[in-house]
Amino acid sequence: MNKNRRTKPLKIDGRTRESRQIKAITGKLTSDPNDAAKALLRGIVSRNAVIEREIYNRALTEDNLFVDGQLNPIVDKTLLKYQNASKSALVELMKLEGAKPSDNSPEDIFSDVFDD
């Protein structure tokens, strides 16, 4: 048996920035779950937008948008994963915000950007 394997749950001692963030998020989820969920979803969308742009810009500037005549797998698969996660988070955020969808489904929020 591996002696280095943890058998007890990891305790958060509050000394690191991450542990303070976890404590704050946990507290907000307890006191006001709706606002906490909105904030978390906004964070997901914001971070994903930056990552999406970086993936795309790197592919363009490094001239590797296409590899052997095919769309670069990083752009093709990884970028799509971030875009789908952002889309899902935006749809959930719209629901929490009580936003009324237009005549189109909320799933069509990206129809102006992406051809379906």
N, C-alpha and C. Protein backbone atom coordinates (compact mmCIF):
# COMPACT_ATOMS: atom_id res chain seq x y z
N MET A 1 0.84 -1.18 0.00
CA MET A 1 0.00 0.00 0.00
C MET A 1 0.88 1.24 0.00
N ASN A 2 0.43 2.25 -0.72
CA ASN A 2 1.18 3.49 -0.82
C ASN A 2 1.03 4.30 0.48
N LYS A 3 2.15 4.53 1.18
CA LYS A 3 2.11 5.24 2.46
C LYS A 3 1.85 6.73 2.28
N ASN A 4 2.09 7.26 1.08
CA ASN A 4 1.88 8.68 0.83
C ASN A 4 0.42 9.02 0.55
N ARG A 5 -0.40 8.05 0.38
CA ARG A 5 -1.80 8.28 0.05
C ARG A 5 -2.53 8.84 1.27
N ARG A 6 -3.28 9.91 1.04
CA ARG A 6 -4.06 10.53 2.12
C ARG A 6 -5.29 9.69 2.42
N THR A 7 -5.53 9.48 3.70
CA THR A 7 -6.73 8.75 4.10
C THR A 7 -7.72 9.67 4.78
N LYS A 8 -7.27 10.84 5.20
CA LYS A 8 -8.14 11.82 5.83
C LYS A 8 -8.42 12.94 4.84
N PRO A 9 -9.59 13.56 4.97
CA PRO A 9 -9.87 14.68 4.06
C PRO A 9 -8.90 15.84 4.31
N LEU A 10 -8.58 16.53 3.24
CA LEU A 10 -7.68 17.67 3.33
C LEU A 10 -8.39 18.81 4.06
N LYS A 11 -7.73 19.38 5.05
CA LYS A 11 -8.30 20.50 5.79
C LYS A 11 -7.80 21.80 5.19
N ILE A 12 -8.67 22.77 5.16
CA ILE A 12 -8.31 24.10 4.67
C ILE A 12 -8.06 24.96 5.89
N ASP A 13 -6.84 25.46 6.03
CA ASP A 13 -6.48 26.16 7.26
C ASP A 13 -6.68 27.67 7.20
N GLY A 14 -7.00 28.22 6.04
CA GLY A 14 -7.30 29.64 5.95
C GLY A 14 -6.10 30.53 5.74
N ARG A 15 -4.92 29.97 5.55
CA ARG A 15 -3.73 30.80 5.40
C ARG A 15 -3.47 31.21 3.95
N THR A 16 -4.00 30.50 3.00
CA THR A 16 -3.74 30.82 1.61
C THR A 16 -4.91 31.61 1.02
N ARG A 17 -4.62 32.30 -0.05
CA ARG A 17 -5.65 33.06 -0.75
C ARG A 17 -6.77 32.14 -1.22
N GLU A 18 -6.40 30.98 -1.74
CA GLU A 18 -7.39 30.04 -2.23
C GLU A 18 -8.30 29.55 -1.11
N SER A 19 -7.73 29.28 0.04
CA SER A 19 -8.56 28.79 1.15
C SER A 19 -9.50 29.89 1.63
N ARG A 20 -9.05 31.13 1.62
CA ARG A 20 -9.94 32.24 1.99
C ARG A 20 -11.06 32.40 0.97
N GLN A 21 -10.74 32.20 -0.30
CA GLN A 21 -11.75 32.27 -1.34
C GLN A 21 -12.78 31.16 -1.18
N ILE A 22 -12.32 29.95 -0.89
CA ILE A 22 -13.23 28.83 -0.68
C ILE A 22 -14.15 29.12 0.50
N LYS A 23 -13.59 29.65 1.57
CA LYS A 23 -14.40 29.97 2.75
C LYS A 23 -15.45 31.04 2.41
N ALA A 24 -15.05 32.06 1.66
CA ALA A 24 -15.97 33.12 1.28
C ALA A 24 -17.08 32.59 0.37
N ILE A 25 -16.71 31.76 -0.60
CA ILE A 25 -17.71 31.19 -1.51
C ILE A 25 -18.67 30.30 -0.75
N THR A 26 -18.13 29.47 0.13
CA THR A 26 -18.98 28.58 0.93
C THR A 26 -19.95 29.39 1.79
N GLY A 27 -19.44 30.45 2.39
CA GLY A 27 -20.30 31.31 3.20
C GLY A 27 -21.40 31.95 2.38
N LYS A 28 -21.05 32.44 1.20
CA LYS A 28 -22.04 33.08 0.32
C LYS A 28 -23.06 32.07 -0.18
N LEU A 29 -22.60 30.85 -0.49
CA LEU A 29 -23.54 29.81 -0.93
C LEU A 29 -24.54 29.48 0.17
N THR A 30 -24.10 29.60 1.41
CA THR A 30 -24.97 29.32 2.55
C THR A 30 -25.93 30.48 2.79
N SER A 31 -25.41 31.70 2.77
CA SER A 31 -26.25 32.86 3.10
C SER A 31 -27.13 33.33 1.95
N ASP A 32 -26.63 33.27 0.72
CA ASP A 32 -27.40 33.74 -0.43
C ASP A 32 -27.01 32.93 -1.67
N PRO A 33 -27.54 31.71 -1.77
CA PRO A 33 -27.12 30.82 -2.86
C PRO A 33 -27.39 31.39 -4.26
N ASN A 34 -28.46 32.14 -4.42
CA ASN A 34 -28.79 32.68 -5.74
C ASN A 34 -27.73 33.67 -6.21
N ASP A 35 -27.37 34.62 -5.34
CA ASP A 35 -26.34 35.59 -5.70
C ASP A 35 -24.98 34.91 -5.89
N ALA A 36 -24.68 33.93 -5.06
CA ALA A 36 -23.42 33.20 -5.18
C ALA A 36 -23.36 32.47 -6.52
N ALA A 37 -24.44 31.84 -6.90
CA ALA A 37 -24.48 31.12 -8.17
C ALA A 37 -24.29 32.08 -9.34
N LYS A 38 -24.94 33.23 -9.27
CA LYS A 38 -24.77 34.23 -10.34
C LYS A 38 -23.32 34.67 -10.44
N ALA A 39 -22.71 34.95 -9.30
CA ALA A 39 -21.31 35.39 -9.30
C ALA A 39 -20.38 34.30 -9.87
N LEU A 40 -20.62 33.06 -9.47
CA LEU A 40 -19.79 31.96 -9.99
C LEU A 40 -19.97 31.80 -11.49
N LEU A 41 -21.21 31.90 -11.97
CA LEU A 41 -21.46 31.77 -13.40
C LEU A 41 -20.82 32.92 -14.18
N ARG A 42 -20.89 34.14 -13.64
CA ARG A 42 -20.24 35.27 -14.30
C ARG A 42 -18.73 35.04 -14.38
N GLY A 43 -18.16 34.50 -13.31
CA GLY A 43 -16.73 34.20 -13.30
C GLY A 43 -16.36 33.17 -14.35
N ILE A 44 -17.18 32.13 -14.47
CA ILE A 44 -16.93 31.09 -15.48
C ILE A 44 -16.93 31.69 -16.87
N VAL A 45 -17.95 32.47 -17.16
CA VAL A 45 -18.06 33.08 -18.50
C VAL A 45 -16.88 34.01 -18.76
N SER A 46 -16.53 34.81 -17.78
CA SER A 46 -15.42 35.76 -17.96
C SER A 46 -14.09 35.06 -18.21
N ARG A 47 -13.79 34.07 -17.36
CA ARG A 47 -12.53 33.34 -17.53
C ARG A 47 -12.51 32.59 -18.86
N ASN A 48 -13.61 31.96 -19.20
CA ASN A 48 -13.65 31.21 -20.46
C ASN A 48 -13.49 32.12 -21.66
N ALA A 49 -14.06 33.32 -21.61
CA ALA A 49 -13.92 34.26 -22.73
C ALA A 49 -12.45 34.62 -22.95
N VAL A 50 -11.72 34.84 -21.86
CA VAL A 50 -10.30 35.17 -21.97
C VAL A 50 -9.53 33.97 -22.55
N ILE A 51 -9.82 32.78 -22.06
CA ILE A 51 -9.14 31.58 -22.55
C ILE A 51 -9.47 31.33 -24.02
N GLU A 52 -10.74 31.49 -24.39
CA GLU A 52 -11.15 31.30 -25.79
C GLU A 52 -10.38 32.25 -26.71
N ARG A 53 -10.32 33.51 -26.32
CA ARG A 53 -9.61 34.49 -27.13
C ARG A 53 -8.14 34.15 -27.26
N GLU A 54 -7.55 33.71 -26.16
CA GLU A 54 -6.12 33.38 -26.18
C GLU A 54 -5.85 32.18 -27.10
N ILE A 55 -6.68 31.17 -27.02
CA ILE A 55 -6.51 30.00 -27.90
C ILE A 55 -6.59 30.43 -29.36
N TYR A 56 -7.59 31.19 -29.67
CA TYR A 56 -7.79 31.63 -31.05
C TYR A 56 -6.67 32.56 -31.52
N ASN A 57 -6.32 33.54 -30.69
CA ASN A 57 -5.26 34.48 -31.08
C ASN A 57 -3.92 33.77 -31.27
N ARG A 58 -3.61 32.83 -30.40
CA ARG A 58 -2.34 32.08 -30.55
C ARG A 58 -2.33 31.29 -31.84
N ALA A 59 -3.46 30.67 -32.13
CA ALA A 59 -3.52 29.89 -33.37
C ALA A 59 -3.32 30.79 -34.58
N LEU A 60 -3.84 32.01 -34.52
CA LEU A 60 -3.68 32.94 -35.64
C LEU A 60 -2.26 33.50 -35.72
N THR A 61 -1.73 33.94 -34.58
CA THR A 61 -0.41 34.58 -34.60
C THR A 61 0.72 33.59 -34.83
N GLU A 62 0.54 32.36 -34.39
CA GLU A 62 1.58 31.36 -34.59
C GLU A 62 1.38 30.62 -35.91
N ASP A 63 0.41 31.10 -36.69
CA ASP A 63 0.13 30.54 -38.01
C ASP A 63 -0.08 29.02 -37.95
N ASN A 64 -0.82 28.58 -36.96
CA ASN A 64 -1.12 27.15 -36.90
C ASN A 64 -2.61 26.90 -36.68
N LEU A 65 -3.42 27.77 -37.30
CA LEU A 65 -4.87 27.56 -37.24
C LEU A 65 -5.22 26.25 -37.94
N PHE A 66 -4.46 25.95 -39.00
CA PHE A 66 -4.66 24.70 -39.72
C PHE A 66 -3.37 23.88 -39.66
N VAL A 67 -3.52 22.59 -39.45
CA VAL A 67 -2.39 21.67 -39.42
C VAL A 67 -2.69 20.57 -40.43
N ASP A 68 -1.83 20.44 -41.41
CA ASP A 68 -2.00 19.45 -42.47
C ASP A 68 -3.38 19.55 -43.12
N GLY A 69 -3.81 20.78 -43.36
CA GLY A 69 -5.09 21.00 -44.04
C GLY A 69 -6.32 20.84 -43.16
N GLN A 70 -6.12 20.51 -41.91
CA GLN A 70 -7.24 20.33 -40.98
C GLN A 70 -7.17 21.41 -39.91
N LEU A 71 -8.32 21.77 -39.39
CA LEU A 71 -8.35 22.73 -38.30
C LEU A 71 -7.55 22.17 -37.14
N ASN A 72 -6.70 23.00 -36.57
CA ASN A 72 -5.86 22.59 -35.45
C ASN A 72 -6.74 21.96 -34.37
N PRO A 73 -6.38 20.76 -33.88
CA PRO A 73 -7.21 20.09 -32.87
C PRO A 73 -7.43 20.91 -31.61
N ILE A 74 -6.46 21.74 -31.25
CA ILE A 74 -6.64 22.59 -30.07
C ILE A 74 -7.78 23.57 -30.30
N VAL A 75 -7.81 24.15 -31.50
CA VAL A 75 -8.89 25.08 -31.82
C VAL A 75 -10.18 24.31 -32.00
N ASP A 76 -10.10 23.20 -32.70
CA ASP A 76 -11.30 22.43 -33.03
C ASP A 76 -11.98 21.85 -31.79
N LYS A 77 -11.23 21.28 -30.88
CA LYS A 77 -11.81 20.58 -29.73
C LYS A 77 -11.79 21.42 -28.45
N THR A 78 -10.64 21.93 -28.11
CA THR A 78 -10.49 22.66 -26.84
C THR A 78 -11.30 23.95 -26.86
N LEU A 79 -11.18 24.71 -27.93
CA LEU A 79 -11.93 25.96 -28.02
C LEU A 79 -13.43 25.69 -27.94
N LEU A 80 -13.86 24.65 -28.63
CA LEU A 80 -15.28 24.29 -28.62
C LEU A 80 -15.77 23.93 -27.21
N LYS A 81 -14.93 23.24 -26.44
CA LYS A 81 -15.30 22.90 -25.06
C LYS A 81 -15.51 24.15 -24.22
N TYR A 82 -14.62 25.11 -24.35
CA TYR A 82 -14.77 26.36 -23.60
C TYR A 82 -15.99 27.14 -24.06
N GLN A 83 -16.23 27.16 -25.37
CA GLN A 83 -17.39 27.87 -25.89
C GLN A 83 -18.69 27.23 -25.38
N ASN A 84 -18.75 25.91 -25.38
CA ASN A 84 -19.94 25.22 -24.89
C ASN A 84 -20.15 25.45 -23.40
N ALA A 85 -19.07 25.45 -22.64
CA ALA A 85 -19.18 25.72 -21.20
C ALA A 85 -19.67 27.14 -20.96
N SER A 86 -19.17 28.09 -21.73
CA SER A 86 -19.62 29.48 -21.61
C SER A 86 -21.09 29.61 -21.97
N LYS A 87 -21.47 28.95 -23.03
CA LYS A 87 -22.87 28.99 -23.46
C LYS A 87 -23.79 28.42 -22.39
N SER A 88 -23.42 27.30 -21.82
CA SER A 88 -24.24 26.69 -20.76
C SER A 88 -24.32 27.60 -19.54
N ALA A 89 -23.18 28.19 -19.16
CA ALA A 89 -23.17 29.09 -18.01
C ALA A 89 -24.03 30.32 -18.27
N LEU A 90 -23.98 30.86 -19.49
CA LEU A 90 -24.80 32.02 -19.82
C LEU A 90 -26.29 31.69 -19.78
N VAL A 91 -26.64 30.53 -20.28
CA VAL A 91 -28.05 30.11 -20.24
C VAL A 91 -28.52 29.99 -18.80
N GLU A 92 -27.71 29.38 -17.94
CA GLU A 92 -28.07 29.25 -16.53
C GLU A 92 -28.13 30.61 -15.85
N LEU A 93 -27.21 31.49 -16.17
CA LEU A 93 -27.21 32.83 -15.60
C LEU A 93 -28.47 33.59 -16.02
N MET A 94 -28.85 33.45 -17.29
CA MET A 94 -30.07 34.09 -17.76
C MET A 94 -31.28 33.59 -16.98
N LYS A 95 -31.32 32.30 -16.71
CA LYS A 95 -32.42 31.74 -15.93
C LYS A 95 -32.46 32.33 -14.52
N LEU A 96 -31.30 32.42 -13.89
CA LEU A 96 -31.24 32.97 -12.54
C LEU A 96 -31.59 34.46 -12.51
N GLU A 97 -31.22 35.16 -13.57
CA GLU A 97 -31.50 36.59 -13.65
C GLU A 97 -32.95 36.85 -14.01
N GLY A 98 -33.65 35.79 -14.42
CA GLY A 98 -35.04 35.95 -14.83
C GLY A 98 -35.17 36.63 -16.17
N ALA A 99 -34.11 36.54 -16.97
CA ALA A 99 -34.15 37.14 -18.30
C ALA A 99 -35.13 36.39 -19.18
N LYS A 100 -35.95 37.13 -19.84
CA LYS A 100 -36.91 36.53 -20.76
C LYS A 100 -36.20 36.26 -22.08
N PRO A 101 -36.27 35.02 -22.54
CA PRO A 101 -35.64 34.74 -23.83
C PRO A 101 -36.38 35.45 -24.96
N SER A 102 -35.65 35.77 -25.99
CA SER A 102 -36.28 36.38 -27.16
C SER A 102 -37.14 35.34 -27.85
N ASP A 103 -37.59 35.66 -29.03
CA ASP A 103 -38.39 34.69 -29.78
C ASP A 103 -37.62 33.40 -30.02
N ASN A 104 -36.30 33.53 -30.05
CA ASN A 104 -35.44 32.36 -30.21
C ASN A 104 -35.24 31.71 -28.85
N SER A 105 -34.87 30.48 -28.86
CA SER A 105 -34.53 29.78 -27.63
C SER A 105 -33.30 30.41 -27.01
N PRO A 106 -33.16 30.36 -25.66
CA PRO A 106 -31.92 30.86 -25.06
C PRO A 106 -30.70 30.11 -25.57
N GLU A 107 -30.92 28.91 -26.10
CA GLU A 107 -29.81 28.14 -26.64
C GLU A 107 -29.22 28.81 -27.88
N ASP A 108 -29.98 29.74 -28.50
CA ASP A 108 -29.53 30.38 -29.72
C ASP A 108 -28.80 31.69 -29.46
N ILE A 109 -28.33 31.88 -28.24
CA ILE A 109 -27.69 33.14 -27.87
C ILE A 109 -26.47 33.44 -28.72
N PHE A 110 -25.82 32.42 -29.25
CA PHE A 110 -24.61 32.62 -30.03
C PHE A 110 -24.87 32.58 -31.54
N SER A 111 -26.13 32.58 -31.94
CA SER A 111 -26.42 32.44 -33.36
C SER A 111 -25.84 33.59 -34.19
N ASP A 112 -25.67 34.76 -33.57
CA ASP A 112 -25.07 35.86 -34.30
C ASP A 112 -23.58 35.65 -34.54
N VAL A 113 -22.95 34.85 -33.70
CA VAL A 113 -21.52 34.65 -33.81
C VAL A 113 -21.18 33.38 -34.57
N PHE A 114 -21.92 32.32 -34.29
CA PHE A 114 -21.62 31.02 -34.88
C PHE A 114 -22.74 30.60 -35.81
N ASP A 115 -22.39 30.15 -36.98
CA ASP A 115 -23.40 29.64 -37.91
C ASP A 115 -23.85 28.27 -37.45
N ASP A 116 -25.15 28.10 -37.37
CA ASP A 116 -25.69 26.78 -37.00
C ASP A 116 -26.15 26.05 -38.22
